[in-house]
Amino acid sequence: MDSNEAQNVADRALCTKVPPTEAGLTRARELWAKLGDFFLAENGTPPKDVIAIPKTTVIRVYELTERDDLVTIVLPEKNGLPPASQFEPVDYYRCTYWPYIP
């Protein structure tokens, strides 16, 4: 969503409402799929070699200065890394919270 585009004003207000509404969460999913060229599970069977975003995945939209207290940590799948012989493992920490500068 582009804050400079007048046609996005309604979507922006709906999707960034804190706490989020069902309508806002639904519209955020729709926009995420459309703008990011993703496929949603609720839209049926995805094309071959495409993995649909599950219905349980929550997509939130925030204004930079109006975040709530939600923090998400996504862990890798167990045993999901390739063998160490194929890459050089390193420890790292990345935070996507805006004030943090990696």
PDB file of N, CA and C in Angstrom:
ATOM      1  N   MET A   1       0.845  -1.178   0.000  1.00  0.00           N
ATOM      2  CA  MET A   1       0.000   0.000   0.000  1.00  0.00           C
ATOM      3  C   MET A   1       0.885   1.234   0.000  1.00  0.00           C
ATOM      4  N   ASP A   2       0.555   2.169  -0.782  1.00  0.00           N
ATOM      5  CA  ASP A   2       1.322   3.389  -0.903  1.00  0.00           C
ATOM      6  C   ASP A   2       0.573   4.522  -0.208  1.00  0.00           C
ATOM      7  N   SER A   3       1.190   5.113   0.787  1.00  0.00           N
ATOM      8  CA  SER A   3       0.519   6.171   1.549  1.00  0.00           C
ATOM      9  C   SER A   3       0.245   7.411   0.716  1.00  0.00           C
ATOM     10  N   ASN A   4       0.893   7.539  -0.433  1.00  0.00           N
ATOM     11  CA  ASN A   4       0.699   8.715  -1.275  1.00  0.00           C
ATOM     12  C   ASN A   4      -0.454   8.554  -2.258  1.00  0.00           C
ATOM     13  N   GLU A   5      -1.013   7.376  -2.341  1.00  0.00           N
ATOM     14  CA  GLU A   5      -2.085   7.114  -3.299  1.00  0.00           C
ATOM     15  C   GLU A   5      -3.443   7.272  -2.624  1.00  0.00           C
ATOM     16  N   ALA A   6      -4.255   8.176  -3.140  1.00  0.00           N
ATOM     17  CA  ALA A   6      -5.569   8.453  -2.551  1.00  0.00           C
ATOM     18  C   ALA A   6      -6.448   7.215  -2.502  1.00  0.00           C
ATOM     19  N   GLN A   7      -6.365   6.330  -3.509  1.00  0.00           N
ATOM     20  CA  GLN A   7      -7.225   5.150  -3.536  1.00  0.00           C
ATOM     21  C   GLN A   7      -6.869   4.148  -2.429  1.00  0.00           C
ATOM     22  N   ASN A   8      -5.721   4.311  -1.794  1.00  0.00           N
ATOM     23  CA  ASN A   8      -5.309   3.389  -0.738  1.00  0.00           C
ATOM     24  C   ASN A   8      -5.704   3.847   0.657  1.00  0.00           C
ATOM     25  N   VAL A   9      -6.311   4.997   0.775  1.00  0.00           N
ATOM     26  CA  VAL A   9      -6.639   5.551   2.087  1.00  0.00           C
ATOM     27  C   VAL A   9      -7.541   4.605   2.878  1.00  0.00           C
ATOM     28  N   ALA A  10      -8.596   4.094   2.257  1.00  0.00           N
ATOM     29  CA  ALA A  10      -9.529   3.203   2.968  1.00  0.00           C
ATOM     30  C   ALA A  10      -8.846   1.902   3.369  1.00  0.00           C
ATOM     31  N   ASP A  11      -8.078   1.294   2.444  1.00  0.00           N
ATOM     32  CA  ASP A  11      -7.362   0.060   2.774  1.00  0.00           C
ATOM     33  C   ASP A  11      -6.361   0.304   3.890  1.00  0.00           C
ATOM     34  N   ARG A  12      -5.664   1.403   3.815  1.00  0.00           N
ATOM     35  CA  ARG A  12      -4.651   1.723   4.823  1.00  0.00           C
ATOM     36  C   ARG A  12      -5.295   1.851   6.203  1.00  0.00           C
ATOM     37  N   ALA A  13      -6.413   2.568   6.302  1.00  0.00           N
ATOM     38  CA  ALA A  13      -7.105   2.745   7.584  1.00  0.00           C
ATOM     39  C   ALA A  13      -7.636   1.411   8.098  1.00  0.00           C
ATOM     40  N   LEU A  14      -8.189   0.597   7.205  1.00  0.00           N
ATOM     41  CA  LEU A  14      -8.757  -0.694   7.593  1.00  0.00           C
ATOM     42  C   LEU A  14      -7.676  -1.662   8.052  1.00  0.00           C
ATOM     43  N   CYS A  15      -6.599  -1.754   7.307  1.00  0.00           N
ATOM     44  CA  CYS A  15      -5.567  -2.760   7.590  1.00  0.00           C
ATOM     45  C   CYS A  15      -4.654  -2.401   8.754  1.00  0.00           C
ATOM     46  N   THR A  16      -4.513  -1.127   9.070  1.00  0.00           N
ATOM     47  CA  THR A  16      -3.586  -0.728  10.131  1.00  0.00           C
ATOM     48  C   THR A  16      -4.259  -0.478  11.470  1.00  0.00           C
ATOM     49  N   LYS A  17      -5.563  -0.708  11.545  1.00  0.00           N
ATOM     50  CA  LYS A  17      -6.284  -0.471  12.796  1.00  0.00           C
ATOM     51  C   LYS A  17      -5.738  -1.369  13.905  1.00  0.00           C
ATOM     52  N   VAL A  18      -5.469  -0.789  15.058  1.00  0.00           N
ATOM     53  CA  VAL A  18      -4.984  -1.522  16.226  1.00  0.00           C
ATOM     54  C   VAL A  18      -5.968  -1.305  17.358  1.00  0.00           C
ATOM     55  N   PRO A  19      -6.526  -2.400  17.924  1.00  0.00           N
ATOM     56  CA  PRO A  19      -6.359  -3.790  17.518  1.00  0.00           C
ATOM     57  C   PRO A  19      -7.035  -4.046  16.170  1.00  0.00           C
ATOM     58  N   PRO A  20      -6.557  -5.078  15.459  1.00  0.00           N
ATOM     59  CA  PRO A  20      -7.088  -5.338  14.122  1.00  0.00           C
ATOM     60  C   PRO A  20      -8.518  -5.874  14.163  1.00  0.00           C
ATOM     61  N   THR A  21      -9.251  -5.588  13.107  1.00  0.00           N
ATOM     62  CA  THR A  21     -10.603  -6.124  12.964  1.00  0.00           C
ATOM     63  C   THR A  21     -10.538  -7.316  12.017  1.00  0.00           C
ATOM     64  N   GLU A  22     -11.578  -8.141  12.019  1.00  0.00           N
ATOM     65  CA  GLU A  22     -11.636  -9.270  11.079  1.00  0.00           C
ATOM     66  C   GLU A  22     -11.565  -8.773   9.638  1.00  0.00           C
ATOM     67  N   ALA A  23     -12.297  -7.689   9.358  1.00  0.00           N
ATOM     68  CA  ALA A  23     -12.287  -7.130   8.003  1.00  0.00           C
ATOM     69  C   ALA A  23     -10.884  -6.657   7.625  1.00  0.00           C
ATOM     70  N   GLY A  24     -10.182  -6.045   8.573  1.00  0.00           N
ATOM     71  CA  GLY A  24      -8.822  -5.573   8.311  1.00  0.00           C
ATOM     72  C   GLY A  24      -7.857  -6.711   8.072  1.00  0.00           C
ATOM     73  N   LEU A  25      -7.967  -7.776   8.876  1.00  0.00           N
ATOM     74  CA  LEU A  25      -7.096  -8.940   8.692  1.00  0.00           C
ATOM     75  C   LEU A  25      -7.363  -9.624   7.356  1.00  0.00           C
ATOM     76  N   THR A  26      -8.631  -9.712   6.984  1.00  0.00           N
ATOM     77  CA  THR A  26      -8.996 -10.313   5.704  1.00  0.00           C
ATOM     78  C   THR A  26      -8.451  -9.489   4.546  1.00  0.00           C
ATOM     79  N   ARG A  27      -8.630  -8.171   4.619  1.00  0.00           N
ATOM     80  CA  ARG A  27      -8.149  -7.303   3.543  1.00  0.00           C
ATOM     81  C   ARG A  27      -6.626  -7.325   3.465  1.00  0.00           C
ATOM     82  N   ALA A  28      -5.948  -7.394   4.604  1.00  0.00           N
ATOM     83  CA  ALA A  28      -4.484  -7.479   4.602  1.00  0.00           C
ATOM     84  C   ALA A  28      -4.029  -8.743   3.873  1.00  0.00           C
ATOM     85  N   ARG A  29      -4.712  -9.864   4.112  1.00  0.00           N
ATOM     86  CA  ARG A  29      -4.380 -11.115   3.406  1.00  0.00           C
ATOM     87  C   ARG A  29      -4.575 -10.951   1.902  1.00  0.00           C
ATOM     88  N   GLU A  30      -5.715 -10.343   1.532  1.00  0.00           N
ATOM     89  CA  GLU A  30      -6.009 -10.153   0.110  1.00  0.00           C
ATOM     90  C   GLU A  30      -4.936  -9.285  -0.562  1.00  0.00           C
ATOM     91  N   LEU A  31      -4.576  -8.195   0.100  1.00  0.00           N
ATOM     92  CA  LEU A  31      -3.562  -7.307  -0.465  1.00  0.00           C
ATOM     93  C   LEU A  31      -2.197  -7.963  -0.523  1.00  0.00           C
ATOM     94  N   TRP A  32      -1.851  -8.706   0.512  1.00  0.00           N
ATOM     95  CA  TRP A  32      -0.570  -9.410   0.549  1.00  0.00           C
ATOM     96  C   TRP A  32      -0.474 -10.371  -0.631  1.00  0.00           C
ATOM     97  N   ALA A  33      -1.546 -11.116  -0.857  1.00  0.00           N
ATOM     98  CA  ALA A  33      -1.553 -12.073  -1.963  1.00  0.00           C
ATOM     99  C   ALA A  33      -1.463 -11.356  -3.307  1.00  0.00           C
ATOM    100  N   LYS A  34      -2.244 -10.310  -3.461  1.00  0.00           N
ATOM    101  CA  LYS A  34      -2.290  -9.582  -4.739  1.00  0.00           C
ATOM    102  C   LYS A  34      -0.969  -8.860  -5.027  1.00  0.00           C
ATOM    103  N   LEU A  35      -0.498  -8.073  -4.080  1.00  0.00           N
ATOM    104  CA  LEU A  35       0.685  -7.255  -4.299  1.00  0.00           C
ATOM    105  C   LEU A  35       1.976  -8.066  -4.273  1.00  0.00           C
ATOM    106  N   GLY A  36       1.972  -9.167  -3.524  1.00  0.00           N
ATOM    107  CA  GLY A  36       3.171  -9.991  -3.439  1.00  0.00           C
ATOM    108  C   GLY A  36       3.165 -11.186  -4.366  1.00  0.00           C
ATOM    109  N   ASP A  37       2.070 -11.336  -5.125  1.00  0.00           N
ATOM    110  CA  ASP A  37       1.920 -12.459  -6.046  1.00  0.00           C
ATOM    111  C   ASP A  37       1.996 -13.796  -5.294  1.00  0.00           C
ATOM    112  N   PHE A  38       1.246 -13.870  -4.176  1.00  0.00           N
ATOM    113  CA  PHE A  38       1.160 -15.085  -3.381  1.00  0.00           C
ATOM    114  C   PHE A  38      -0.195 -15.745  -3.611  1.00  0.00           C
ATOM    115  N   PHE A  39      -0.329 -16.986  -3.170  1.00  0.00           N
ATOM    116  CA  PHE A  39      -1.581 -17.718  -3.320  1.00  0.00           C
ATOM    117  C   PHE A  39      -2.118 -18.059  -1.944  1.00  0.00           C
ATOM    118  N   LEU A  40      -3.380 -17.761  -1.692  1.00  0.00           N
ATOM    119  CA  LEU A  40      -4.020 -18.044  -0.405  1.00  0.00           C
ATOM    120  C   LEU A  40      -4.739 -19.381  -0.446  1.00  0.00           C
ATOM    121  N   ALA A  41      -4.660 -20.136   0.633  1.00  0.00           N
ATOM    122  CA  ALA A  41      -5.303 -21.449   0.713  1.00  0.00           C
ATOM    123  C   ALA A  41      -6.803 -21.356   0.482  1.00  0.00           C
ATOM    124  N   GLU A  42      -7.427 -20.262   0.922  1.00  0.00           N
ATOM    125  CA  GLU A  42      -8.875 -20.135   0.772  1.00  0.00           C
ATOM    126  C   GLU A  42      -9.301 -19.919  -0.683  1.00  0.00           C
ATOM    127  N   ASN A  43      -8.350 -19.724  -1.565  1.00  0.00           N
ATOM    128  CA  ASN A  43      -8.674 -19.519  -2.975  1.00  0.00           C
ATOM    129  C   ASN A  43      -8.641 -20.813  -3.787  1.00  0.00           C
ATOM    130  N   GLY A  44      -8.581 -21.953  -3.105  1.00  0.00           N
ATOM    131  CA  GLY A  44      -8.628 -23.241  -3.804  1.00  0.00           C
ATOM    132  C   GLY A  44      -7.263 -23.890  -3.940  1.00  0.00           C
ATOM    133  N   THR A  45      -7.156 -24.763  -4.908  1.00  0.00           N
ATOM    134  CA  THR A  45      -5.923 -25.492  -5.143  1.00  0.00           C
ATOM    135  C   THR A  45      -4.914 -24.591  -5.851  1.00  0.00           C
ATOM    136  N   PRO A  46      -3.721 -24.470  -5.290  1.00  0.00           N
ATOM    137  CA  PRO A  46      -2.731 -23.587  -5.919  1.00  0.00           C
ATOM    138  C   PRO A  46      -2.171 -24.209  -7.205  1.00  0.00           C
ATOM    139  N   PRO A  47      -1.588 -23.378  -8.047  1.00  0.00           N
ATOM    140  CA  PRO A  47      -0.939 -23.898  -9.247  1.00  0.00           C
ATOM    141  C   PRO A  47       0.194 -24.855  -8.870  1.00  0.00           C
ATOM    142  N   LYS A  48       0.608 -25.642  -9.811  1.00  0.00           N
ATOM    143  CA  LYS A  48       1.692 -26.612  -9.588  1.00  0.00           C
ATOM    144  C   LYS A  48       2.943 -25.898  -9.075  1.00  0.00           C
ATOM    145  N   ASP A  49       3.586 -26.515  -8.107  1.00  0.00           N
ATOM    146  CA  ASP A  49       4.824 -26.030  -7.494  1.00  0.00           C
ATOM    147  C   ASP A  49       4.638 -24.740  -6.680  1.00  0.00           C
ATOM    148  N   VAL A  50       3.403 -24.401  -6.345  1.00  0.00           N
ATOM    149  CA  VAL A  50       3.130 -23.236  -5.509  1.00  0.00           C
ATOM    150  C   VAL A  50       2.566 -23.730  -4.183  1.00  0.00           C
ATOM    151  N   ILE A  51       3.073 -23.196  -3.099  1.00  0.00           N
ATOM    152  CA  ILE A  51       2.561 -23.532  -1.768  1.00  0.00           C
ATOM    153  C   ILE A  51       1.672 -22.395  -1.315  1.00  0.00           C
ATOM    154  N   ALA A  52       0.438 -22.713  -0.988  1.00  0.00           N
ATOM    155  CA  ALA A  52      -0.521 -21.695  -0.565  1.00  0.00           C
ATOM    156  C   ALA A  52      -0.224 -21.228   0.853  1.00  0.00           C
ATOM    157  N   ILE A  53      -0.520 -19.958   1.126  1.00  0.00           N
ATOM    158  CA  ILE A  53      -0.412 -19.436   2.489  1.00  0.00           C
ATOM    159  C   ILE A  53      -1.584 -20.010   3.276  1.00  0.00           C
ATOM    160  N   PRO A  54      -1.310 -20.752   4.358  1.00  0.00           N
ATOM    161  CA  PRO A  54      -2.397 -21.380   5.120  1.00  0.00           C
ATOM    162  C   PRO A  54      -3.379 -20.359   5.682  1.00  0.00           C
ATOM    163  N   LYS A  55      -4.615 -20.801   5.868  1.00  0.00           N
ATOM    164  CA  LYS A  55      -5.657 -19.927   6.420  1.00  0.00           C
ATOM    165  C   LYS A  55      -5.307 -19.458   7.826  1.00  0.00           C
ATOM    166  N   THR A  56      -4.509 -20.238   8.539  1.00  0.00           N
ATOM    167  CA  THR A  56      -4.148 -19.884   9.915  1.00  0.00           C
ATOM    168  C   THR A  56      -3.064 -18.814   9.987  1.00  0.00           C
ATOM    169  N   THR A  57      -2.437 -18.479   8.873  1.00  0.00           N
ATOM    170  CA  THR A  57      -1.398 -17.447   8.859  1.00  0.00           C
ATOM    171  C   THR A  57      -2.043 -16.077   8.984  1.00  0.00           C
ATOM    172  N   VAL A  58      -1.616 -15.327   9.983  1.00  0.00           N
ATOM    173  CA  VAL A  58      -2.151 -13.986  10.224  1.00  0.00           C
ATOM    174  C   VAL A  58      -1.197 -12.972   9.607  1.00  0.00           C
ATOM    175  N   ILE A  59      -1.740 -12.110   8.768  1.00  0.00           N
ATOM    176  CA  ILE A  59      -0.937 -11.066   8.132  1.00  0.00           C
ATOM    177  C   ILE A  59      -1.377  -9.734   8.710  1.00  0.00           C
ATOM    178  N   ARG A  60      -0.434  -9.021   9.304  1.00  0.00           N
ATOM    179  CA  ARG A  60      -0.740  -7.741   9.949  1.00  0.00           C
ATOM    180  C   ARG A  60      -0.036  -6.623   9.199  1.00  0.00           C
ATOM    181  N   VAL A  61      -0.642  -5.442   9.201  1.00  0.00           N
ATOM    182  CA  VAL A  61      -0.068  -4.258   8.570  1.00  0.00           C
ATOM    183  C   VAL A  61       0.028  -3.185   9.643  1.00  0.00           C
ATOM    184  N   TYR A  62       1.190  -2.537   9.725  1.00  0.00           N
ATOM    185  CA  TYR A  62       1.404  -1.516  10.735  1.00  0.00           C
ATOM    186  C   TYR A  62       1.897  -0.229  10.104  1.00  0.00           C
ATOM    187  N   GLU A  63       1.457   0.881  10.659  1.00  0.00           N
ATOM    188  CA  GLU A  63       2.117   2.143  10.385  1.00  0.00           C
ATOM    189  C   GLU A  63       3.404   2.106  11.194  1.00  0.00           C
ATOM    190  N   LEU A  64       4.426   2.738  10.697  1.00  0.00           N
ATOM    191  CA  LEU A  64       5.730   2.686  11.338  1.00  0.00           C
ATOM    192  C   LEU A  64       5.691   3.113  12.804  1.00  0.00           C
ATOM    193  N   THR A  65       4.863   4.087  13.130  1.00  0.00           N
ATOM    194  CA  THR A  65       4.833   4.629  14.489  1.00  0.00           C
ATOM    195  C   THR A  65       3.693   4.094  15.341  1.00  0.00           C
ATOM    196  N   GLU A  66       2.906   3.136  14.833  1.00  0.00           N
ATOM    197  CA  GLU A  66       1.728   2.695  15.572  1.00  0.00           C
ATOM    198  C   GLU A  66       1.664   1.190  15.768  1.00  0.00           C
ATOM    199  N   ARG A  67       2.742   0.587  16.156  1.00  0.00           N
ATOM    200  CA  ARG A  67       2.750  -0.853  16.391  1.00  0.00           C
ATOM    201  C   ARG A  67       2.158  -1.173  17.745  1.00  0.00           C
ATOM    202  N   ASP A  68       1.615  -2.404  17.847  1.00  0.00           N
ATOM    203  CA  ASP A  68       1.171  -2.846  19.161  1.00  0.00           C
ATOM    204  C   ASP A  68       2.314  -3.646  19.790  1.00  0.00           C
ATOM    205  N   ASP A  69       2.010  -4.498  20.749  1.00  0.00           N
ATOM    206  CA  ASP A  69       3.076  -5.213  21.448  1.00  0.00           C
ATOM    207  C   ASP A  69       3.309  -6.620  20.894  1.00  0.00           C
ATOM    208  N   LEU A  70       2.889  -6.875  19.659  1.00  0.00           N
ATOM    209  CA  LEU A  70       3.075  -8.178  19.048  1.00  0.00           C
ATOM    210  C   LEU A  70       4.519  -8.351  18.597  1.00  0.00           C
ATOM    211  N   VAL A  71       5.117  -9.474  18.993  1.00  0.00           N
ATOM    212  CA  VAL A  71       6.456  -9.833  18.555  1.00  0.00           C
ATOM    213  C   VAL A  71       6.384 -11.243  17.995  1.00  0.00           C
ATOM    214  N   THR A  72       6.973 -11.454  16.850  1.00  0.00           N
ATOM    215  CA  THR A  72       6.950 -12.768  16.225  1.00  0.00           C
ATOM    216  C   THR A  72       8.363 -13.298  16.079  1.00  0.00           C
ATOM    217  N   ILE A  73       8.561 -14.518  16.514  1.00  0.00           N
ATOM    218  CA  ILE A  73       9.830 -15.215  16.330  1.00  0.00           C
ATOM    219  C   ILE A  73       9.519 -16.467  15.532  1.00  0.00           C
ATOM    220  N   VAL A  74      10.156 -16.612  14.404  1.00  0.00           N
ATOM    221  CA  VAL A  74       9.936 -17.783  13.559  1.00  0.00           C
ATOM    222  C   VAL A  74      11.175 -18.662  13.633  1.00  0.00           C
ATOM    223  N   LEU A  75      10.989 -19.870  14.110  1.00  0.00           N
ATOM    224  CA  LEU A  75      12.092 -20.816  14.231  1.00  0.00           C
ATOM    225  C   LEU A  75      12.181 -21.669  12.976  1.00  0.00           C
ATOM    226  N   PRO A  76      13.398 -22.095  12.610  1.00  0.00           N
ATOM    227  CA  PRO A  76      13.508 -22.990  11.460  1.00  0.00           C
ATOM    228  C   PRO A  76      12.912 -24.351  11.802  1.00  0.00           C
ATOM    229  N   GLU A  77      12.512 -25.087  10.783  1.00  0.00           N
ATOM    230  CA  GLU A  77      11.993 -26.429  11.019  1.00  0.00           C
ATOM    231  C   GLU A  77      13.086 -27.296  11.632  1.00  0.00           C
ATOM    232  N   LYS A  78      12.685 -28.230  12.495  1.00  0.00           N
ATOM    233  CA  LYS A  78      13.653 -29.145  13.077  1.00  0.00           C
ATOM    234  C   LYS A  78      14.314 -29.933  11.959  1.00  0.00           C
ATOM    235  N   ASN A  79      15.608 -30.047  12.047  1.00  0.00           N
ATOM    236  CA  ASN A  79      16.400 -30.777  11.040  1.00  0.00           C
ATOM    237  C   ASN A  79      16.182 -30.215   9.638  1.00  0.00           C
ATOM    238  N   GLY A  80      15.812 -28.949   9.541  1.00  0.00           N
ATOM    239  CA  GLY A  80      15.516 -28.353   8.257  1.00  0.00           C
ATOM    240  C   GLY A  80      16.724 -27.759   7.548  1.00  0.00           C
ATOM    241  N   LEU A  81      17.860 -27.684   8.216  1.00  0.00           N
ATOM    242  CA  LEU A  81      19.038 -27.122   7.588  1.00  0.00           C
ATOM    243  C   LEU A  81      19.769 -28.177   6.761  1.00  0.00           C
ATOM    244  N   PRO A  82      20.410 -27.765   5.677  1.00  0.00           N
ATOM    245  CA  PRO A  82      21.201 -28.723   4.910  1.00  0.00           C
ATOM    246  C   PRO A  82      22.435 -29.131   5.714  1.00  0.00           C
ATOM    247  N   PRO A  83      23.113 -30.191   5.300  1.00  0.00           N
ATOM    248  CA  PRO A  83      24.314 -30.618   6.026  1.00  0.00           C
ATOM    249  C   PRO A  83      25.338 -29.493   6.102  1.00  0.00           C
ATOM    250  N   ALA A  84      26.070 -29.435   7.209  1.00  0.00           N
ATOM    251  CA  ALA A  84      27.054 -28.373   7.416  1.00  0.00           C
ATOM    252  C   ALA A  84      28.116 -28.351   6.317  1.00  0.00           C
ATOM    253  N   SER A  85      28.306 -29.462   5.631  1.00  0.00           N
ATOM    254  CA  SER A  85      29.294 -29.502   4.549  1.00  0.00           C
ATOM    255  C   SER A  85      28.875 -28.638   3.358  1.00  0.00           C
ATOM    256  N   GLN A  86      27.610 -28.253   3.311  1.00  0.00           N
ATOM    257  CA  GLN A  86      27.106 -27.472   2.184  1.00  0.00           C
ATOM    258  C   GLN A  86      27.089 -25.969   2.444  1.00  0.00           C
ATOM    259  N   PHE A  87      27.363 -25.548   3.658  1.00  0.00           N
ATOM    260  CA  PHE A  87      27.391 -24.114   3.963  1.00  0.00           C
ATOM    261  C   PHE A  87      28.212 -23.899   5.225  1.00  0.00           C
ATOM    262  N   GLU A  88      28.560 -22.653   5.478  1.00  0.00           N
ATOM    263  CA  GLU A  88      29.306 -22.310   6.680  1.00  0.00           C
ATOM    264  C   GLU A  88      28.339 -21.734   7.706  1.00  0.00           C
ATOM    265  N   PRO A  89      27.979 -22.518   8.727  1.00  0.00           N
ATOM    266  CA  PRO A  89      26.999 -22.035   9.702  1.00  0.00           C
ATOM    267  C   PRO A  89      27.584 -20.908  10.559  1.00  0.00           C
ATOM    268  N   VAL A  90      26.748 -19.926  10.855  1.00  0.00           N
ATOM    269  CA  VAL A  90      27.136 -18.833  11.745  1.00  0.00           C
ATOM    270  C   VAL A  90      25.955 -18.532  12.656  1.00  0.00           C
ATOM    271  N   ASP A  91      26.242 -18.057  13.837  1.00  0.00           N
ATOM    272  CA  ASP A  91      25.192 -17.616  14.742  1.00  0.00           C
ATOM    273  C   ASP A  91      24.810 -16.193  14.366  1.00  0.00           C
ATOM    274  N   TYR A  92      23.535 -15.897  14.393  1.00  0.00           N
ATOM    275  CA  TYR A  92      23.117 -14.534  14.090  1.00  0.00           C
ATOM    276  C   TYR A  92      21.804 -14.230  14.802  1.00  0.00           C
ATOM    277  N   TYR A  93      21.523 -12.962  14.881  1.00  0.00           N
ATOM    278  CA  TYR A  93      20.273 -12.488  15.463  1.00  0.00           C
ATOM    279  C   TYR A  93      19.790 -11.357  14.576  1.00  0.00           C
ATOM    280  N   ARG A  94      18.555 -11.427  14.169  1.00  0.00           N
ATOM    281  CA  ARG A  94      18.000 -10.343  13.355  1.00  0.00           C
ATOM    282  C   ARG A  94      16.647  -9.969  13.936  1.00  0.00           C
ATOM    283  N   CYS A  95      16.463  -8.713  14.155  1.00  0.00           N
ATOM    284  CA  CYS A  95      15.213  -8.210  14.680  1.00  0.00           C
ATOM    285  C   CYS A  95      14.584  -7.307  13.625  1.00  0.00           C
ATOM    286  N   THR A  96      13.312  -7.511  13.346  1.00  0.00           N
ATOM    287  CA  THR A  96      12.663  -6.693  12.337  1.00  0.00           C
ATOM    288  C   THR A  96      11.914  -5.518  12.954  1.00  0.00           C
ATOM    289  N   TYR A  97      12.070  -5.349  14.242  1.00  0.00           N
ATOM    290  CA  TYR A  97      11.432  -4.209  14.893  1.00  0.00           C
ATOM    291  C   TYR A  97      12.171  -2.954  14.458  1.00  0.00           C
ATOM    292  N   TRP A  98      11.445  -1.973  13.921  1.00  0.00           N
ATOM    293  CA  TRP A  98      12.032  -0.831  13.262  1.00  0.00           C
ATOM    294  C   TRP A  98      13.163  -0.106  14.030  1.00  0.00           C
ATOM    295  N   PRO A  99      13.022   0.191  15.320  1.00  0.00           N
ATOM    296  CA  PRO A  99      14.093   0.962  15.971  1.00  0.00           C
ATOM    297  C   PRO A  99      15.415   0.208  16.048  1.00  0.00           C
ATOM    298  N   TYR A 100      15.384  -1.098  15.880  1.00  0.00           N
ATOM    299  CA  TYR A 100      16.619  -1.875  15.956  1.00  0.00           C
ATOM    300  C   TYR A 100      17.370  -1.767  14.634  1.00  0.00           C
ATOM    301  N   ILE A 101      18.638  -1.461  14.691  1.00  0.00           N
ATOM    302  CA  ILE A 101      19.470  -1.390  13.495  1.00  0.00           C
ATOM    303  C   ILE A 101      20.435  -2.566  13.550  1.00  0.00           C
ATOM    304  N   PRO A 102      20.314  -3.560  12.623  1.00  0.00           N
ATOM    305  CA  PRO A 102      21.222  -4.728  12.672  1.00  0.00           C
ATOM    306  C   PRO A 102      22.660  -4.344  12.386  1.00  0.00           C
TER     307      PRO A 102
END
